[in-house]
N, C-alpha and C. Protein backbone atom coordinates (compact mmCIF):
# COMPACT_ATOMS: atom_id res chain seq x y z
N UNK A 1 -17.40 11.18 10.61
CA UNK A 1 -16.76 12.00 9.58
C UNK A 1 -17.13 11.30 8.17
N UNK A 2 -17.70 12.24 7.17
CA UNK A 2 -18.17 11.98 5.96
C UNK A 2 -17.61 11.72 5.10
N UNK A 3 -17.64 11.31 3.97
CA UNK A 3 -16.74 11.27 2.89
C UNK A 3 -16.43 12.88 2.53
N UNK A 4 -17.71 13.64 2.37
CA UNK A 4 -17.84 15.07 2.20
C UNK A 4 -16.90 15.88 3.31
N UNK A 5 -16.77 15.22 4.55
CA UNK A 5 -15.90 15.92 5.21
C UNK A 5 -14.50 15.83 4.83
N UNK A 6 -14.09 14.63 4.65
CA UNK A 6 -12.85 14.02 4.30
C UNK A 6 -12.25 14.93 2.95
N UNK A 7 -13.17 15.06 2.02
CA UNK A 7 -12.70 15.84 0.69
C UNK A 7 -12.13 17.09 1.00
N UNK A 8 -13.14 18.00 1.79
CA UNK A 8 -13.08 19.16 2.47
C UNK A 8 -11.61 19.26 3.15
N UNK A 9 -11.08 18.31 3.84
CA UNK A 9 -10.04 18.29 4.77
C UNK A 9 -8.65 18.38 3.81
N UNK A 10 -8.64 17.49 2.52
CA UNK A 10 -7.69 17.47 1.84
C UNK A 10 -8.03 18.57 0.76
N UNK A 11 -8.72 19.27 0.36
CA UNK A 11 -8.90 20.05 -0.90
C UNK A 11 -7.69 21.34 -0.78
N UNK A 12 -7.76 21.84 0.27
CA UNK A 12 -6.73 23.02 0.47
C UNK A 12 -5.40 22.36 0.06
N UNK A 13 -4.87 21.22 -0.07
CA UNK A 13 -3.58 20.55 -0.42
C UNK A 13 -3.65 20.10 -1.72
N UNK A 14 -4.66 19.44 -2.17
CA UNK A 14 -5.09 18.68 -3.53
C UNK A 14 -6.19 19.12 -3.93
N UNK A 15 -6.31 20.20 -4.48
CA UNK A 15 -7.69 20.55 -5.11
C UNK A 15 -8.23 19.66 -6.29
N UNK A 16 -7.06 19.47 -7.34
CA UNK A 16 -7.34 18.89 -8.49
C UNK A 16 -7.70 17.46 -8.11
N UNK A 17 -7.04 16.83 -6.93
CA UNK A 17 -7.42 15.61 -6.57
C UNK A 17 -8.71 15.29 -5.97
N UNK A 18 -9.38 16.10 -5.38
CA UNK A 18 -10.58 16.00 -5.09
C UNK A 18 -11.52 16.16 -6.13
N UNK A 19 -11.17 16.93 -6.89
CA UNK A 19 -12.15 17.03 -8.32
C UNK A 19 -12.18 15.57 -8.79
N UNK A 20 -11.42 14.98 -8.77
CA UNK A 20 -11.22 13.79 -9.55
C UNK A 20 -11.98 12.76 -8.80
N UNK A 21 -11.96 12.58 -7.67
CA UNK A 21 -12.61 11.60 -6.46
C UNK A 21 -13.73 11.96 -5.66
N UNK A 22 -14.28 13.46 -6.07
CA UNK A 22 -15.55 13.60 -5.45
C UNK A 22 -16.74 12.91 -5.69
N UNK A 23 -16.92 12.47 -6.92
CA UNK A 23 -17.76 11.82 -7.47
C UNK A 23 -18.00 10.11 -6.75
N UNK A 24 -16.87 9.56 -6.45
CA UNK A 24 -16.73 8.31 -5.92
C UNK A 24 -18.37 7.93 -5.25
N UNK A 25 -18.74 6.74 -5.50
CA UNK A 25 -19.75 6.25 -4.51
C UNK A 25 -19.57 4.79 -4.20
N UNK A 26 -18.42 4.28 -4.63
CA UNK A 26 -17.95 3.18 -3.95
C UNK A 26 -16.64 2.48 -4.59
N UNK A 27 -16.31 1.31 -4.31
CA UNK A 27 -15.27 0.76 -4.77
C UNK A 27 -14.98 0.60 -6.41
N UNK A 28 -15.70 0.40 -7.13
CA UNK A 28 -15.93 0.31 -8.55
C UNK A 28 -15.18 1.64 -8.93
N UNK A 29 -16.04 2.68 -8.53
CA UNK A 29 -15.41 4.02 -8.79
C UNK A 29 -13.89 4.19 -8.93
N UNK A 30 -13.48 3.70 -7.52
CA UNK A 30 -11.94 3.96 -7.27
C UNK A 30 -11.43 3.19 -7.75
N UNK A 31 -11.53 1.78 -8.17
CA UNK A 31 -10.79 1.05 -9.25
C UNK A 31 -10.56 1.30 -10.53
N UNK A 32 -11.75 2.12 -10.97
CA UNK A 32 -12.00 2.38 -12.47
C UNK A 32 -10.81 3.81 -12.49
N UNK A 33 -10.73 4.61 -11.55
CA UNK A 33 -9.99 5.55 -11.50
C UNK A 33 -8.36 5.17 -11.44
N UNK A 34 -8.25 4.31 -10.49
CA UNK A 34 -7.04 3.75 -10.34
C UNK A 34 -6.47 3.17 -11.40
N UNK A 35 -6.83 2.56 -12.24
CA UNK A 35 -6.39 2.17 -13.71
C UNK A 35 -6.40 3.11 -14.47
N UNK A 36 -7.38 3.98 -14.92
CA UNK A 36 -7.45 4.95 -15.67
C UNK A 36 -6.50 6.05 -15.48
N UNK A 37 -6.07 6.31 -14.39
CA UNK A 37 -5.05 7.23 -14.01
C UNK A 37 -3.54 6.86 -13.90
N UNK A 38 -3.32 5.55 -14.09
CA UNK A 38 -1.94 5.15 -13.96
C UNK A 38 -1.60 4.94 -12.40
N UNK A 39 -2.68 5.06 -11.59
CA UNK A 39 -2.29 4.55 -10.55
C UNK A 39 -1.72 3.24 -9.73
N UNK A 40 -2.50 2.62 -10.74
CA UNK A 40 -1.98 1.03 -10.94
C UNK A 40 -0.67 0.51 -10.56
N UNK A 41 0.21 1.57 -10.92
CA UNK A 41 1.55 1.45 -10.65
C UNK A 41 2.31 1.71 -9.46
N UNK A 42 1.26 2.33 -8.74
CA UNK A 42 1.57 2.77 -7.39
C UNK A 42 1.46 1.83 -6.31
N UNK A 43 2.50 1.82 -5.16
CA UNK A 43 2.25 0.94 -4.24
C UNK A 43 0.64 1.08 -3.31
N UNK A 44 0.17 -0.04 -2.79
CA UNK A 44 -0.89 -0.18 -2.36
C UNK A 44 -0.75 -0.91 -1.17
N UNK A 45 -1.53 -0.73 -0.24
CA UNK A 45 -1.48 -1.39 0.99
C UNK A 45 -3.00 -1.71 1.53
N UNK A 46 -3.42 -2.62 1.93
CA UNK A 46 -4.80 -2.95 2.60
C UNK A 46 -4.90 -3.39 4.03
N UNK A 47 -5.09 -2.45 5.08
CA UNK A 47 -5.14 -2.95 6.29
C UNK A 47 -6.63 -3.29 6.91
N UNK A 48 -6.65 -4.67 7.29
CA UNK A 48 -8.07 -4.87 7.83
C UNK A 48 -8.31 -4.50 9.50
N UNK A 49 -9.26 -3.66 9.18
CA UNK A 49 -9.87 -3.28 10.58
C UNK A 49 -10.50 -4.19 11.71
N UNK A 50 -11.51 -4.82 10.74
CA UNK A 50 -12.24 -5.91 11.48
C UNK A 50 -12.72 -6.57 10.35
N UNK A 51 -13.49 -7.71 10.48
CA UNK A 51 -14.07 -8.46 9.53
C UNK A 51 -14.99 -7.96 8.15
N UNK A 52 -15.26 -6.75 8.65
CA UNK A 52 -16.10 -5.97 7.60
C UNK A 52 -15.49 -4.50 6.96
N UNK A 53 -14.38 -4.21 7.60
CA UNK A 53 -13.72 -2.71 7.35
C UNK A 53 -12.49 -3.05 7.11
N UNK A 54 -12.05 -2.16 6.12
CA UNK A 54 -10.88 -2.02 5.50
C UNK A 54 -10.56 -0.70 5.23
N UNK A 55 -9.09 -0.42 5.40
CA UNK A 55 -8.47 0.87 4.78
C UNK A 55 -7.74 0.38 3.66
N UNK A 56 -7.75 0.98 2.78
CA UNK A 56 -7.03 1.01 1.35
C UNK A 56 -6.14 2.06 1.22
N UNK A 57 -4.91 1.89 1.09
CA UNK A 57 -4.11 3.25 1.09
C UNK A 57 -3.15 3.02 -0.48
N UNK A 58 -3.06 4.29 -1.20
CA UNK A 58 -2.59 4.14 -2.38
C UNK A 58 -1.54 5.32 -2.41
N UNK A 59 -0.18 4.92 -2.59
CA UNK A 59 0.72 6.17 -2.60
C UNK A 59 0.66 6.90 -3.79
N UNK A 60 0.32 8.44 -3.57
CA UNK A 60 0.09 9.03 -4.74
C UNK A 60 1.49 9.03 -5.60
N UNK A 61 2.51 9.50 -5.20
CA UNK A 61 3.55 9.35 -6.02
C UNK A 61 5.00 8.82 -5.34
N UNK A 62 5.56 8.34 -5.75
CA UNK A 62 6.91 7.59 -4.96
C UNK A 62 7.48 8.69 -4.03
N UNK A 63 7.70 8.25 -2.73
CA UNK A 63 8.10 9.20 -1.60
C UNK A 63 7.18 10.26 -1.08
N UNK A 64 5.81 10.33 -1.39
CA UNK A 64 4.98 11.15 -0.99
C UNK A 64 3.81 10.61 -0.30
N UNK A 65 2.88 11.38 0.16
CA UNK A 65 1.73 11.00 0.78
C UNK A 65 0.91 9.53 0.27
N UNK A 66 0.19 9.26 1.09
CA UNK A 66 -0.82 7.96 0.90
C UNK A 66 -2.06 8.69 0.98
N UNK A 67 -3.14 8.05 -0.16
CA UNK A 67 -4.44 8.57 -0.08
C UNK A 67 -4.97 7.53 0.47
N UNK A 68 -5.92 7.43 1.47
CA UNK A 68 -6.47 6.28 2.20
C UNK A 68 -8.35 6.40 1.85
N UNK A 69 -8.63 5.11 1.85
CA UNK A 69 -9.96 5.05 1.34
C UNK A 69 -10.62 4.09 2.35
N UNK A 70 -11.69 4.53 3.20
CA UNK A 70 -12.14 3.21 4.09
C UNK A 70 -13.22 2.53 3.45
N UNK A 71 -13.23 1.23 3.44
CA UNK A 71 -14.24 0.53 2.70
C UNK A 71 -14.91 -0.36 3.99
N UNK A 72 -16.03 -0.23 3.86
CA UNK A 72 -16.95 -1.27 4.71
C UNK A 72 -17.89 -2.25 3.79
């Protein structure tokens, strides 16, 4: 599954979010958005899948869904 596939899957429920994150090309874009939008105050979890791959989870709002980014 590509990044574009993932964006398509969440577009129906979160069209504005997809507009914000569609241009991300790496971790720097994600972290810039994280600070700029105030998401830096949100809970975060990092799950190591192996020595090269991680999932970064960001809780969108208290008691709400989590947004996951795969990082290699």
